[in-house]
């Protein structure tokens, strides 16, 4: 016969019991969350600094921000998509396709930057 007695846990022990399985998740998730917050926070700081000038400066900043998104949209999309393509080919051991994917990504991105 197994005795299943539970020892009452205080708040810190309960928190430690919850955090233990979540720790590997937050090891990856926390830097990813901070990376996603960095750009909006930077825009907040820049907009608040520019707003000390006048409304026209804020309007110009909004136009430049919008044009930046349009100008770099393809590169941002490529960076999001290319990792899956690389991982699939790497996992399959297809090094020739890895080289081709890398070359094609460079060919795509180089004219945009020049």
Protein backbone atom coordinates (compact mmCIF):
# COMPACT_ATOMS: atom_id res chain seq x y z
CA UNK A 1 0.00 0.00 0.00
CA UNK A 2 1.37 3.42 -1.04
CA UNK A 3 0.80 6.36 1.23
CA UNK A 4 0.10 9.48 -0.81
CA UNK A 5 0.43 12.27 1.69
CA UNK A 6 1.04 15.74 0.41
CA UNK A 7 3.11 18.21 2.31
CA UNK A 8 1.59 21.69 2.27
CA UNK A 9 3.77 24.08 0.26
CA UNK A 10 4.34 27.72 1.02
CA UNK A 11 4.22 30.37 -1.73
CA UNK A 12 7.94 30.20 -2.62
CA UNK A 13 7.89 26.41 -2.87
CA UNK A 14 4.81 26.50 -5.10
CA UNK A 15 6.47 29.07 -7.35
CA UNK A 16 9.66 27.00 -7.57
CA UNK A 17 7.59 23.94 -8.46
CA UNK A 18 5.90 25.87 -11.29
CA UNK A 19 9.11 27.54 -12.55
CA UNK A 20 11.13 24.33 -12.84
CA UNK A 21 9.37 23.00 -15.98
CA UNK A 22 8.98 26.49 -17.44
CA UNK A 23 12.68 27.37 -17.20
CA UNK A 24 13.76 25.80 -20.54
CA UNK A 25 10.88 27.55 -22.28
CA UNK A 26 11.77 30.96 -20.88
CA UNK A 27 15.45 30.43 -21.70
CA UNK A 28 14.45 30.70 -25.36
CA UNK A 29 11.26 32.76 -25.06
CA UNK A 30 12.60 35.66 -22.99
CA UNK A 31 15.30 36.75 -25.49
CA UNK A 32 12.79 36.30 -28.33
CA UNK A 33 10.24 38.49 -26.52
CA UNK A 34 12.86 41.15 -25.85
CA UNK A 35 13.87 41.12 -29.52
CA UNK A 36 10.25 41.65 -30.54
CA UNK A 37 9.87 44.53 -28.08
CA UNK A 38 13.10 46.30 -29.12
CA UNK A 39 11.83 47.89 -32.34
CA UNK A 40 8.57 49.31 -30.95
CA UNK A 41 10.44 50.62 -27.91
CA UNK A 42 13.03 52.25 -30.17
CA UNK A 43 10.25 53.86 -32.20
CA UNK A 44 8.67 55.10 -28.98
CA UNK A 45 11.93 56.72 -27.88
CA UNK A 46 12.61 58.26 -31.31
CA UNK A 47 9.06 59.59 -31.69
CA UNK A 48 9.14 61.15 -28.22
CA UNK A 49 12.48 62.82 -29.01
CA UNK A 50 11.30 64.06 -32.40
CA UNK A 51 8.04 65.35 -30.93
CA UNK A 52 9.98 68.01 -29.04
CA UNK A 53 10.48 69.83 -32.37
CA UNK A 54 7.08 70.21 -34.04
CA UNK A 55 4.23 68.40 -35.76
CA UNK A 56 5.96 68.50 -39.14
CA UNK A 57 8.96 66.63 -37.74
CA UNK A 58 6.71 63.91 -36.34
CA UNK A 59 4.90 63.65 -39.70
CA UNK A 60 8.22 63.33 -41.52
CA UNK A 61 9.31 60.65 -39.06
CA UNK A 62 6.07 58.73 -39.74
CA UNK A 63 6.70 58.89 -43.51
CA UNK A 64 10.29 57.70 -43.13
CA UNK A 65 9.18 54.87 -40.84
CA UNK A 66 6.56 53.75 -43.35
CA UNK A 67 9.01 53.87 -46.25
CA UNK A 68 11.53 51.85 -44.26
CA UNK A 69 8.98 49.09 -43.78
CA UNK A 70 8.19 49.01 -47.49
CA UNK A 71 11.85 49.21 -48.55
CA UNK A 72 13.03 46.40 -46.29
CA UNK A 73 9.91 44.23 -46.31
CA UNK A 74 11.39 41.69 -48.71
CA UNK A 75 14.54 41.28 -46.66
CA UNK A 76 12.58 40.92 -43.43
CA UNK A 77 10.34 38.31 -45.05
CA UNK A 78 13.36 36.46 -46.41
CA UNK A 79 15.00 36.33 -43.00
CA UNK A 80 11.85 34.81 -41.56
CA UNK A 81 11.45 32.22 -44.29
CA UNK A 82 15.04 31.24 -44.97
CA UNK A 83 15.65 29.59 -41.59
CA UNK A 84 13.00 26.94 -42.26
CA UNK A 85 14.44 26.20 -45.70
CA UNK A 86 17.94 25.95 -44.26
CA UNK A 87 16.82 23.72 -41.39
CA UNK A 88 14.93 21.35 -43.68
CA UNK A 89 17.84 20.96 -46.06
CA UNK A 90 20.36 20.67 -43.22
CA UNK A 91 18.26 18.01 -41.51
CA UNK A 92 18.01 16.07 -44.75
CA UNK A 93 21.78 16.32 -45.26
CA UNK A 94 21.41 18.16 -48.58
CA UNK A 95 24.50 20.36 -48.49
CA UNK A 96 24.23 21.21 -52.19
CA UNK A 97 20.77 22.67 -51.59
CA UNK A 98 22.11 24.60 -48.58
CA UNK A 99 24.72 26.24 -50.80
CA UNK A 100 22.13 26.97 -53.48
CA UNK A 101 19.73 28.48 -50.95
CA UNK A 102 22.48 30.66 -49.49
CA UNK A 103 23.57 31.82 -52.95
CA UNK A 104 20.02 32.60 -54.02
CA UNK A 105 19.40 34.58 -50.82
CA UNK A 106 22.53 36.64 -51.48
CA UNK A 107 21.50 37.25 -55.09
CA UNK A 108 18.06 38.37 -53.89
CA UNK A 109 19.35 40.69 -51.16
CA UNK A 110 22.36 42.28 -52.87
CA UNK A 111 20.46 44.41 -55.45
CA UNK A 112 18.13 45.65 -52.74
CA UNK A 113 21.02 47.00 -50.66
CA UNK A 114 22.90 48.60 -53.57
